[in-house]
Amino acid sequence: FGAYRDGQEIYGRAASKDKRLLVVEDTSHYDLYDRPEPTRQAVEAA
């Protein structure tokens, strides 16, 4: 589905002066939907 690729692309292309890319280790696309540890990292960062 390409989320890894798209995330890298928009992070690089965005004109935002304040931008952050968080790559969660050992994590797939759907792990970030509801798996406790990946979603914890995403929620805390957000």
All heavy atoms as atom14 arrays in JSON, in Angstrom:
{
  "sequence": "FGAYRDGQEIYGRAASKDKRLLVVEDTSHYDLYDRPEPTRQAVEAA",
  "atom14_mask": [
    [1, 1, 1, 1, 1, 1, 1, 1, 1, 1, 1, 0, 0, 0],
    [1, 1, 1, 1, 0, 0, 0, 0, 0, 0, 0, 0, 0, 0],
    [1, 1, 1, 1, 1, 0, 0, 0, 0, 0, 0, 0, 0, 0],
    [1, 1, 1, 1, 1, 1, 1, 1, 1, 1, 1, 1, 0, 0],
    [1, 1, 1, 1, 1, 1, 1, 1, 1, 1, 1, 0, 0, 0],
    [1, 1, 1, 1, 1, 1, 1, 1, 0, 0, 0, 0, 0, 0],
    [1, 1, 1, 1, 0, 0, 0, 0, 0, 0, 0, 0, 0, 0],
    [1, 1, 1, 1, 1, 1, 1, 1, 1, 0, 0, 0, 0, 0],
    [1, 1, 1, 1, 1, 1, 1, 1, 1, 0, 0, 0, 0, 0],
    [1, 1, 1, 1, 1, 1, 1, 1, 0, 0, 0, 0, 0, 0],
    [1, 1, 1, 1, 1, 1, 1, 1, 1, 1, 1, 1, 0, 0],
    [1, 1, 1, 1, 0, 0, 0, 0, 0, 0, 0, 0, 0, 0],
    [1, 1, 1, 1, 1, 1, 1, 1, 1, 1, 1, 0, 0, 0],
    [1, 1, 1, 1, 1, 0, 0, 0, 0, 0, 0, 0, 0, 0],
    [1, 1, 1, 1, 1, 0, 0, 0, 0, 0, 0, 0, 0, 0],
    [1, 1, 1, 1, 1, 1, 0, 0, 0, 0, 0, 0, 0, 0],
    [1, 1, 1, 1, 1, 1, 1, 1, 1, 0, 0, 0, 0, 0],
    [1, 1, 1, 1, 1, 1, 1, 1, 0, 0, 0, 0, 0, 0],
    [1, 1, 1, 1, 1, 1, 1, 1, 1, 0, 0, 0, 0, 0],
    [1, 1, 1, 1, 1, 1, 1, 1, 1, 1, 1, 0, 0, 0],
    [1, 1, 1, 1, 1, 1, 1, 1, 0, 0, 0, 0, 0, 0],
    [1, 1, 1, 1, 1, 1, 1, 1, 0, 0, 0, 0, 0, 0],
    [1, 1, 1, 1, 1, 1, 1, 0, 0, 0, 0, 0, 0, 0],
    [1, 1, 1, 1, 1, 1, 1, 0, 0, 0, 0, 0, 0, 0],
    [1, 1, 1, 1, 1, 1, 1, 1, 1, 0, 0, 0, 0, 0],
    [1, 1, 1, 1, 1, 1, 1, 1, 0, 0, 0, 0, 0, 0],
    [1, 1, 1, 1, 1, 1, 1, 0, 0, 0, 0, 0, 0, 0],
    [1, 1, 1, 1, 1, 1, 0, 0, 0, 0, 0, 0, 0, 0],
    [1, 1, 1, 1, 1, 1, 1, 1, 1, 1, 0, 0, 0, 0],
    [1, 1, 1, 1, 1, 1, 1, 1, 1, 1, 1, 1, 0, 0],
    [1, 1, 1, 1, 1, 1, 1, 1, 0, 0, 0, 0, 0, 0],
    [1, 1, 1, 1, 1, 1, 1, 1, 0, 0, 0, 0, 0, 0],
    [1, 1, 1, 1, 1, 1, 1, 1, 1, 1, 1, 1, 0, 0],
    [1, 1, 1, 1, 1, 1, 1, 1, 0, 0, 0, 0, 0, 0],
    [1, 1, 1, 1, 1, 1, 1, 1, 1, 1, 1, 0, 0, 0],
    [1, 1, 1, 1, 1, 1, 1, 0, 0, 0, 0, 0, 0, 0],
    [1, 1, 1, 1, 1, 1, 1, 1, 1, 0, 0, 0, 0, 0],
    [1, 1, 1, 1, 1, 1, 1, 0, 0, 0, 0, 0, 0, 0],
    [1, 1, 1, 1, 1, 1, 1, 0, 0, 0, 0, 0, 0, 0],
    [1, 1, 1, 1, 1, 1, 1, 1, 1, 1, 1, 0, 0, 0],
    [1, 1, 1, 1, 1, 1, 1, 1, 1, 0, 0, 0, 0, 0],
    [1, 1, 1, 1, 1, 0, 0, 0, 0, 0, 0, 0, 0, 0],
    [1, 1, 1, 1, 1, 1, 1, 0, 0, 0, 0, 0, 0, 0],
    [1, 1, 1, 1, 1, 1, 1, 1, 1, 0, 0, 0, 0, 0],
    [1, 1, 1, 1, 1, 0, 0, 0, 0, 0, 0, 0, 0, 0],
    [1, 1, 1, 1, 1, 0, 0, 0, 0, 0, 0, 0, 0, 0]
  ],
  "atom14_positions": [
    [[0.81, -1.21, 0.0], [0.0, 0.0, 0.0], [0.85, 1.27, 0.0], [0.35, 2.35, -0.3], [-0.96, 0.02, 1.19], [-2.02, -1.06, 1.12], [-2.82, -1.34, 2.22], [-2.2, -1.81, -0.03], [-3.79, -2.33, 2.16], [-3.17, -2.81, -0.1], [-3.96, -3.07, 1.01], [0.0, 0.0, 0.0], [0.0, 0.0, 0.0], [0.0, 0.0, 0.0]],
    [[2.12, 1.15, 0.37], [3.07, 2.22, 0.13], [3.18, 3.31, 1.18], [3.71, 4.39, 0.89], [0.0, 0.0, 0.0], [0.0, 0.0, 0.0], [0.0, 0.0, 0.0], [0.0, 0.0, 0.0], [0.0, 0.0, 0.0], [0.0, 0.0, 0.0], [0.0, 0.0, 0.0], [0.0, 0.0, 0.0], [0.0, 0.0, 0.0], [0.0, 0.0, 0.0]],
    [[2.72, 3.07, 2.41], [2.79, 4.12, 3.42], [4.23, 4.51, 3.74], [4.52, 5.69, 3.97], [2.08, 3.68, 4.7], [0.0, 0.0, 0.0], [0.0, 0.0, 0.0], [0.0, 0.0, 0.0], [0.0, 0.0, 0.0], [0.0, 0.0, 0.0], [0.0, 0.0, 0.0], [0.0, 0.0, 0.0], [0.0, 0.0, 0.0], [0.0, 0.0, 0.0]],
    [[5.14, 3.54, 3.77], [6.54, 3.85, 4.07], [7.1, 4.79, 3.0], [7.7, 5.82, 3.31], [7.36, 2.56, 4.13], [8.82, 2.79, 4.46], [9.25, 2.89, 5.78], [9.77, 2.9, 3.43], [10.59, 3.1, 6.08], [11.11, 3.11, 3.73], [11.51, 3.21, 5.06], [12.84, 3.43, 5.35], [0.0, 0.0, 0.0], [0.0, 0.0, 0.0]],
    [[6.86, 4.46, 1.77], [7.32, 5.29, 0.65], [6.66, 6.66, 0.66], [7.34, 7.68, 0.52], [7.01, 4.55, -0.65], [7.08, 5.39, -1.91], [6.56, 4.57, -3.08], [6.37, 5.37, -4.27], [5.86, 4.9, -5.4], [5.5, 3.63, -5.47], [5.7, 5.69, -6.44], [0.0, 0.0, 0.0], [0.0, 0.0, 0.0], [0.0, 0.0, 0.0]],
    [[5.36, 6.69, 0.84], [4.65, 7.97, 0.82], [5.06, 8.86, 1.99], [5.15, 10.09, 1.84], [3.14, 7.74, 0.84], [2.61, 7.17, -0.48], [3.33, 7.28, -1.49], [1.49, 6.63, -0.49], [0.0, 0.0, 0.0], [0.0, 0.0, 0.0], [0.0, 0.0, 0.0], [0.0, 0.0, 0.0], [0.0, 0.0, 0.0], [0.0, 0.0, 0.0]],
    [[5.26, 8.26, 3.15], [5.68, 9.04, 4.3], [7.03, 9.7, 4.09], [7.23, 10.88, 4.41], [0.0, 0.0, 0.0], [0.0, 0.0, 0.0], [0.0, 0.0, 0.0], [0.0, 0.0, 0.0], [0.0, 0.0, 0.0], [0.0, 0.0, 0.0], [0.0, 0.0, 0.0], [0.0, 0.0, 0.0], [0.0, 0.0, 0.0], [0.0, 0.0, 0.0]],
    [[7.97, 8.93, 3.54], [9.28, 9.5, 3.24], [9.17, 10.62, 2.21], [9.82, 11.67, 2.31], [10.21, 8.4, 2.71], [10.5, 7.27, 3.69], [11.59, 7.61, 4.7], [12.16, 8.68, 4.66], [11.87, 6.68, 5.6], [0.0, 0.0, 0.0], [0.0, 0.0, 0.0], [0.0, 0.0, 0.0], [0.0, 0.0, 0.0], [0.0, 0.0, 0.0]],
    [[8.32, 10.4, 1.22], [8.18, 11.39, 0.14], [7.61, 12.71, 0.65], [8.16, 13.78, 0.37], [7.28, 10.83, -0.97], [7.04, 11.85, -2.09], [6.08, 11.35, -3.15], [5.85, 10.13, -3.23], [5.56, 12.2, -3.9], [0.0, 0.0, 0.0], [0.0, 0.0, 0.0], [0.0, 0.0, 0.0], [0.0, 0.0, 0.0], [0.0, 0.0, 0.0]],
    [[6.51, 12.65, 1.39], [5.88, 13.91, 1.8], [6.73, 14.62, 2.84], [6.78, 15.86, 2.87], [4.44, 13.67, 2.32], [3.71, 15.02, 2.44], [4.41, 12.91, 3.61], [3.63, 15.84, 1.16], [0.0, 0.0, 0.0], [0.0, 0.0, 0.0], [0.0, 0.0, 0.0], [0.0, 0.0, 0.0], [0.0, 0.0, 0.0], [0.0, 0.0, 0.0]],
    [[7.44, 13.88, 3.66], [8.35, 14.52, 4.61], [9.42, 15.31, 3.86], [9.76, 16.44, 4.21], [9.0, 13.48, 5.52], [10.06, 14.06, 6.41], [9.72, 14.83, 7.52], [11.42, 13.87, 6.13], [10.7, 15.38, 8.34], [12.4, 14.41, 6.95], [12.03, 15.17, 8.04], [13.01, 15.72, 8.83], [0.0, 0.0, 0.0], [0.0, 0.0, 0.0]],
    [[9.96, 14.72, 2.8], [10.99, 15.4, 2.03], [10.47, 16.57, 1.22], [11.15, 17.59, 1.06], [0.0, 0.0, 0.0], [0.0, 0.0, 0.0], [0.0, 0.0, 0.0], [0.0, 0.0, 0.0], [0.0, 0.0, 0.0], [0.0, 0.0, 0.0], [0.0, 0.0, 0.0], [0.0, 0.0, 0.0], [0.0, 0.0, 0.0], [0.0, 0.0, 0.0]],
    [[9.25, 16.46, 0.71], [8.71, 17.49, -0.18], [8.05, 18.65, 0.54], [7.96, 19.75, -0.03], [7.69, 16.86, -1.14], [8.3, 15.93, -2.17], [7.22, 15.3, -3.04], [6.39, 16.32, -3.69], [5.31, 16.04, -4.41], [4.92, 14.78, -4.55], [4.6, 17.0, -4.96], [0.0, 0.0, 0.0], [0.0, 0.0, 0.0], [0.0, 0.0, 0.0]],
    [[7.56, 18.44, 1.74], [6.77, 19.47, 2.42], [7.58, 20.75, 2.62], [8.75, 20.72, 2.99], [6.29, 18.95, 3.77], [0.0, 0.0, 0.0], [0.0, 0.0, 0.0], [0.0, 0.0, 0.0], [0.0, 0.0, 0.0], [0.0, 0.0, 0.0], [0.0, 0.0, 0.0], [0.0, 0.0, 0.0], [0.0, 0.0, 0.0], [0.0, 0.0, 0.0]],
    [[6.9, 21.88, 2.42], [7.53, 23.19, 2.63], [7.58, 23.54, 4.11], [8.19, 24.56, 4.48], [6.75, 24.26, 1.87], [0.0, 0.0, 0.0], [0.0, 0.0, 0.0], [0.0, 0.0, 0.0], [0.0, 0.0, 0.0], [0.0, 0.0, 0.0], [0.0, 0.0, 0.0], [0.0, 0.0, 0.0], [0.0, 0.0, 0.0], [0.0, 0.0, 0.0]],
    [[6.99, 22.74, 4.97], [6.92, 23.03, 6.4], [8.31, 23.28, 6.97], [9.22, 22.48, 6.78], [6.27, 21.85, 7.15], [5.07, 21.45, 6.54], [0.0, 0.0, 0.0], [0.0, 0.0, 0.0], [0.0, 0.0, 0.0], [0.0, 0.0, 0.0], [0.0, 0.0, 0.0], [0.0, 0.0, 0.0], [0.0, 0.0, 0.0], [0.0, 0.0, 0.0]],
    [[8.45, 24.38, 7.71], [9.71, 24.65, 8.39], [9.86, 23.77, 9.63], [10.97, 23.5, 10.07], [9.78, 26.13, 8.77], [9.87, 27.06, 7.56], [9.96, 28.51, 8.0], [10.06, 29.43, 6.79], [10.11, 30.87, 7.19], [0.0, 0.0, 0.0], [0.0, 0.0, 0.0], [0.0, 0.0, 0.0], [0.0, 0.0, 0.0], [0.0, 0.0, 0.0]],
    [[8.74, 23.35, 10.18], [8.75, 22.47, 11.36], [8.1, 21.16, 10.95], [6.87, 21.07, 10.86], [7.99, 23.12, 12.51], [8.19, 22.37, 13.83], [8.4, 21.15, 13.78], [8.13, 23.0, 14.89], [0.0, 0.0, 0.0], [0.0, 0.0, 0.0], [0.0, 0.0, 0.0], [0.0, 0.0, 0.0], [0.0, 0.0, 0.0], [0.0, 0.0, 0.0]],
    [[8.91, 20.16, 10.69], [8.37, 18.86, 10.29], [9.19, 17.76, 10.94], [10.4, 17.89, 11.17], [8.36, 18.7, 8.77], [9.68, 18.92, 8.07], [9.49, 18.85, 6.56], [10.8, 19.14, 5.82], [10.62, 19.08, 4.35], [0.0, 0.0, 0.0], [0.0, 0.0, 0.0], [0.0, 0.0, 0.0], [0.0, 0.0, 0.0], [0.0, 0.0, 0.0]],
    [[8.49, 16.64, 11.22], [9.13, 15.53, 11.91], [8.7, 14.23, 11.28], [7.51, 14.04, 10.94], [8.76, 15.53, 13.39], [9.39, 14.39, 14.18], [8.91, 14.3, 15.61], [9.44, 13.13, 16.29], [8.99, 12.66, 17.43], [8.01, 13.27, 18.06], [9.53, 11.58, 17.98], [0.0, 0.0, 0.0], [0.0, 0.0, 0.0], [0.0, 0.0, 0.0]],
    [[9.62, 13.31, 11.13], [9.34, 11.97, 10.62], [9.7, 10.96, 11.71], [10.84, 10.89, 12.15], [10.17, 11.69, 9.36], [10.09, 10.26, 8.8], [8.69, 9.96, 8.31], [11.12, 10.07, 7.68], [0.0, 0.0, 0.0], [0.0, 0.0, 0.0], [0.0, 0.0, 0.0], [0.0, 0.0, 0.0], [0.0, 0.0, 0.0], [0.0, 0.0, 0.0]],
    [[8.69, 10.2, 12.15], [8.91, 9.14, 13.13], [8.73, 7.79, 12.44], [7.65, 7.48, 11.94], [7.9, 9.26, 14.28], [7.87, 8.09, 15.28], [9.21, 7.92, 15.97], [6.74, 8.28, 16.3], [0.0, 0.0, 0.0], [0.0, 0.0, 0.0], [0.0, 0.0, 0.0], [0.0, 0.0, 0.0], [0.0, 0.0, 0.0], [0.0, 0.0, 0.0]],
    [[9.8, 7.02, 12.38], [9.75, 5.67, 11.81], [9.77, 4.68, 12.97], [10.78, 4.56, 13.68], [10.94, 5.42, 10.86], [10.83, 4.02, 10.26], [11.0, 6.47, 9.77], [0.0, 0.0, 0.0], [0.0, 0.0, 0.0], [0.0, 0.0, 0.0], [0.0, 0.0, 0.0], [0.0, 0.0, 0.0], [0.0, 0.0, 0.0], [0.0, 0.0, 0.0]],
    [[8.66, 4.0, 13.19], [8.53, 3.07, 14.31], [9.14, 1.73, 13.92], [8.76, 1.14, 12.91], [7.05, 2.91, 14.72], [6.94, 2.02, 15.96], [6.41, 4.26, 14.97], [0.0, 0.0, 0.0], [0.0, 0.0, 0.0], [0.0, 0.0, 0.0], [0.0, 0.0, 0.0], [0.0, 0.0, 0.0], [0.0, 0.0, 0.0], [0.0, 0.0, 0.0]],
    [[10.07, 1.26, 14.72], [10.81, 0.05, 14.38], [9.95, -1.21, 14.51], [9.06, -1.29, 15.34], [12.05, -0.08, 15.28], [13.08, 1.02, 15.07], [14.3, 0.82, 15.94], [14.33, -0.14, 16.75], [15.24, 1.63, 15.81], [0.0, 0.0, 0.0], [0.0, 0.0, 0.0], [0.0, 0.0, 0.0], [0.0, 0.0, 0.0], [0.0, 0.0, 0.0]],
    [[10.28, -2.18, 13.64], [9.62, -3.5, 13.64], [8.11, -3.36, 13.58], [7.37, -4.04, 14.3], [10.04, -4.29, 14.88], [9.69, -5.77, 14.76], [9.65, -6.28, 13.63], [9.43, -6.41, 15.8], [0.0, 0.0, 0.0], [0.0, 0.0, 0.0], [0.0, 0.0, 0.0], [0.0, 0.0, 0.0], [0.0, 0.0, 0.0], [0.0, 0.0, 0.0]],
    [[7.64, -2.48, 12.71], [6.21, -2.13, 12.66], [5.73, -2.07, 11.22], [6.37, -1.48, 10.35], [5.99, -0.77, 13.34], [6.29, -0.89, 14.73], [4.55, -0.29, 13.2], [0.0, 0.0, 0.0], [0.0, 0.0, 0.0], [0.0, 0.0, 0.0], [0.0, 0.0, 0.0], [0.0, 0.0, 0.0], [0.0, 0.0, 0.0], [0.0, 0.0, 0.0]],
    [[4.56, -2.68, 10.97], [3.93, -2.65, 9.66], [2.82, -1.61, 9.63], [2.49, -0.99, 10.65], [3.35, -4.03, 9.34], [2.26, -4.31, 10.22], [0.0, 0.0, 0.0], [0.0, 0.0, 0.0], [0.0, 0.0, 0.0], [0.0, 0.0, 0.0], [0.0, 0.0, 0.0], [0.0, 0.0, 0.0], [0.0, 0.0, 0.0], [0.0, 0.0, 0.0]],
    [[2.24, -1.45, 8.47], [1.13, -0.5, 8.28], [0.01, -0.74, 9.3], [-0.43, 0.17, 9.99], [0.61, -0.65, 6.85], [-0.49, 0.29, 6.47], [-0.28, 1.45, 5.78], [-1.83, 0.23, 6.7], [-1.43, 2.07, 5.58], [-2.39, 1.34, 6.12], [0.0, 0.0, 0.0], [0.0, 0.0, 0.0], [0.0, 0.0, 0.0], [0.0, 0.0, 0.0]],
    [[-0.45, -1.98, 9.38], [-1.62, -2.27, 10.23], [-1.27, -2.42, 11.7], [-2.16, -2.37, 12.55], [-2.38, -3.47, 9.68], [-3.17, -3.06, 8.45], [-2.62, -3.18, 7.18], [-4.41, -2.46, 8.57], [-3.3, -2.74, 6.06], [-5.1, -2.02, 7.46], [-4.55, -2.15, 6.21], [-5.22, -1.69, 5.11], [0.0, 0.0, 0.0], [0.0, 0.0, 0.0]],
    [[0.01, -2.57, 12.02], [0.4, -2.52, 13.42], [0.07, -1.15, 14.0], [-0.26, -1.02, 15.19], [1.9, -2.77, 13.58], [2.29, -4.22, 13.37], [1.41, -5.1, 13.48], [3.48, -4.47, 13.09], [0.0, 0.0, 0.0], [0.0, 0.0, 0.0], [0.0, 0.0, 0.0], [0.0, 0.0, 0.0], [0.0, 0.0, 0.0], [0.0, 0.0, 0.0]],
    [[0.15, -0.1, 13.16], [-0.11, 1.26, 13.63], [-1.6, 1.56, 13.75], [-1.98, 2.66, 14.17], [0.56, 2.28, 12.69], [2.06, 2.47, 12.96], [2.74, 3.14, 11.77], [2.27, 3.27, 14.23], [0.0, 0.0, 0.0], [0.0, 0.0, 0.0], [0.0, 0.0, 0.0], [0.0, 0.0, 0.0], [0.0, 0.0, 0.0], [0.0, 0.0, 0.0]],
    [[-2.45, 0.59, 13.42], [-3.89, 0.77, 13.63], [-4.27, 0.51, 15.09], [-5.05, 1.26, 15.67], [-4.67, -0.2, 12.74], [-4.92, 0.3, 11.35], [-3.95, 0.99, 10.63], [-6.14, 0.05, 10.71], [-4.2, 1.42, 9.34], [-6.38, 0.49, 9.42], [-5.41, 1.17, 8.74], [-5.66, 1.59, 7.46], [0.0, 0.0, 0.0], [0.0, 0.0, 0.0]],
    [[-3.72, -0.6, 15.66], [-4.24, -0.98, 16.98], [-3.27, -1.78, 17.85], [-3.62, -2.13, 18.97], [-5.54, -1.77, 16.83], [-5.36, -3.09, 16.07], [-4.27, -3.3, 15.5], [-6.3, -3.89, 16.05], [0.0, 0.0, 0.0], [0.0, 0.0, 0.0], [0.0, 0.0, 0.0], [0.0, 0.0, 0.0], [0.0, 0.0, 0.0], [0.0, 0.0, 0.0]],
    [[-2.08, -2.09, 17.37], [-1.16, -2.83, 18.21], [-0.62, -1.9, 19.3], [-0.23, -0.76, 19.01], [0.0, -3.39, 17.39], [-0.42, -4.36, 16.28], [-1.23, -5.53, 16.79], [-1.45, -6.55, 15.75], [-2.36, -7.5, 15.83], [-3.16, -7.58, 16.9], [-2.49, -8.38, 14.84], [0.0, 0.0, 0.0], [0.0, 0.0, 0.0], [0.0, 0.0, 0.0]],
    [[-0.61, -2.35, 20.55], [-0.35, -1.44, 21.68], [0.94, -0.63, 21.59], [0.92, 0.59, 21.74], [-0.35, -2.38, 22.88], [-1.25, -3.5, 22.49], [-1.0, -3.7, 21.02], [0.0, 0.0, 0.0], [0.0, 0.0, 0.0], [0.0, 0.0, 0.0], [0.0, 0.0, 0.0], [0.0, 0.0, 0.0], [0.0, 0.0, 0.0], [0.0, 0.0, 0.0]],
    [[2.06, -1.27, 21.33], [3.33, -0.54, 21.37], [3.48, 0.46, 20.21], [3.82, 1.63, 20.43], [4.52, -1.5, 21.4], [5.88, -0.82, 21.41], [6.07, 0.17, 22.55], [5.37, 0.04, 23.59], [6.91, 1.08, 22.41], [0.0, 0.0, 0.0], [0.0, 0.0, 0.0], [0.0, 0.0, 0.0], [0.0, 0.0, 0.0], [0.0, 0.0, 0.0]],
    [[3.24, 0.05, 18.95], [3.34, 1.04, 17.88], [2.35, 2.21, 18.04], [2.72, 3.37, 17.82], [3.04, 0.23, 16.62], [3.37, -1.17, 16.98], [2.99, -1.3, 18.43], [0.0, 0.0, 0.0], [0.0, 0.0, 0.0], [0.0, 0.0, 0.0], [0.0, 0.0, 0.0], [0.0, 0.0, 0.0], [0.0, 0.0, 0.0], [0.0, 0.0, 0.0]],
    [[1.11, 1.88, 18.42], [0.13, 2.97, 18.55], [0.47, 3.87, 19.73], [0.22, 5.08, 19.69], [-1.3, 2.43, 18.7], [-1.35, 1.48, 19.77], [-1.75, 1.74, 17.42], [0.0, 0.0, 0.0], [0.0, 0.0, 0.0], [0.0, 0.0, 0.0], [0.0, 0.0, 0.0], [0.0, 0.0, 0.0], [0.0, 0.0, 0.0], [0.0, 0.0, 0.0]],
    [[1.07, 3.3, 20.78], [1.51, 4.14, 21.9], [2.52, 5.18, 21.42], [2.43, 6.36, 21.75], [2.14, 3.28, 22.99], [2.64, 4.1, 24.19], [3.52, 3.29, 25.12], [4.76, 2.86, 24.49], [5.82, 3.65, 24.31], [5.79, 4.91, 24.71], [6.91, 3.18, 23.74], [0.0, 0.0, 0.0], [0.0, 0.0, 0.0], [0.0, 0.0, 0.0]],
    [[3.48, 4.73, 20.62], [4.49, 5.67, 20.13], [3.87, 6.73, 19.23], [4.24, 7.91, 19.3], [5.58, 4.91, 19.38], [6.41, 3.99, 20.25], [7.58, 3.39, 19.51], [8.33, 4.1, 18.82], [7.76, 2.08, 19.64], [0.0, 0.0, 0.0], [0.0, 0.0, 0.0], [0.0, 0.0, 0.0], [0.0, 0.0, 0.0], [0.0, 0.0, 0.0]],
    [[2.93, 6.33, 18.4], [2.28, 7.29, 17.51], [1.46, 8.3, 18.3], [1.51, 9.52, 18.03], [1.39, 6.56, 16.51], [0.0, 0.0, 0.0], [0.0, 0.0, 0.0], [0.0, 0.0, 0.0], [0.0, 0.0, 0.0], [0.0, 0.0, 0.0], [0.0, 0.0, 0.0], [0.0, 0.0, 0.0], [0.0, 0.0, 0.0], [0.0, 0.0, 0.0]],
    [[0.69, 7.82, 19.27], [-0.15, 8.72, 20.08], [0.7, 9.68, 20.9], [0.4, 10.88, 20.99], [-1.1, 7.9, 20.98], [-1.78, 8.8, 22.0], [-2.15, 7.18, 20.13], [0.0, 0.0, 0.0], [0.0, 0.0, 0.0], [0.0, 0.0, 0.0], [0.0, 0.0, 0.0], [0.0, 0.0, 0.0], [0.0, 0.0, 0.0], [0.0, 0.0, 0.0]],
    [[1.76, 9.17, 21.49], [2.63, 10.04, 22.29], [3.28, 11.11, 21.41], [3.38, 12.28, 21.81], [3.69, 9.22, 23.0], [3.13, 8.4, 24.16], [4.21, 7.64, 24.92], [5.39, 7.7, 24.49], [3.87, 7.01, 25.94], [0.0, 0.0, 0.0], [0.0, 0.0, 0.0], [0.0, 0.0, 0.0], [0.0, 0.0, 0.0], [0.0, 0.0, 0.0]],
    [[3.72, 10.73, 20.22], [4.33, 11.71, 19.33], [3.31, 12.76, 18.88], [3.62, 13.96, 18.84], [4.92, 11.0, 18.11], [0.0, 0.0, 0.0], [0.0, 0.0, 0.0], [0.0, 0.0, 0.0], [0.0, 0.0, 0.0], [0.0, 0.0, 0.0], [0.0, 0.0, 0.0], [0.0, 0.0, 0.0], [0.0, 0.0, 0.0], [0.0, 0.0, 0.0]],
    [[2.09, 12.31, 18.56], [1.05, 13.25, 18.12], [0.63, 14.18, 19.26], [0.39, 15.37, 19.03], [-0.14, 12.48, 17.58], [0.0, 0.0, 0.0], [0.0, 0.0, 0.0], [0.0, 0.0, 0.0], [0.0, 0.0, 0.0], [0.0, 0.0, 0.0], [0.0, 0.0, 0.0], [0.0, 0.0, 0.0], [0.0, 0.0, 0.0], [0.0, 0.0, 0.0]]
  ]
}
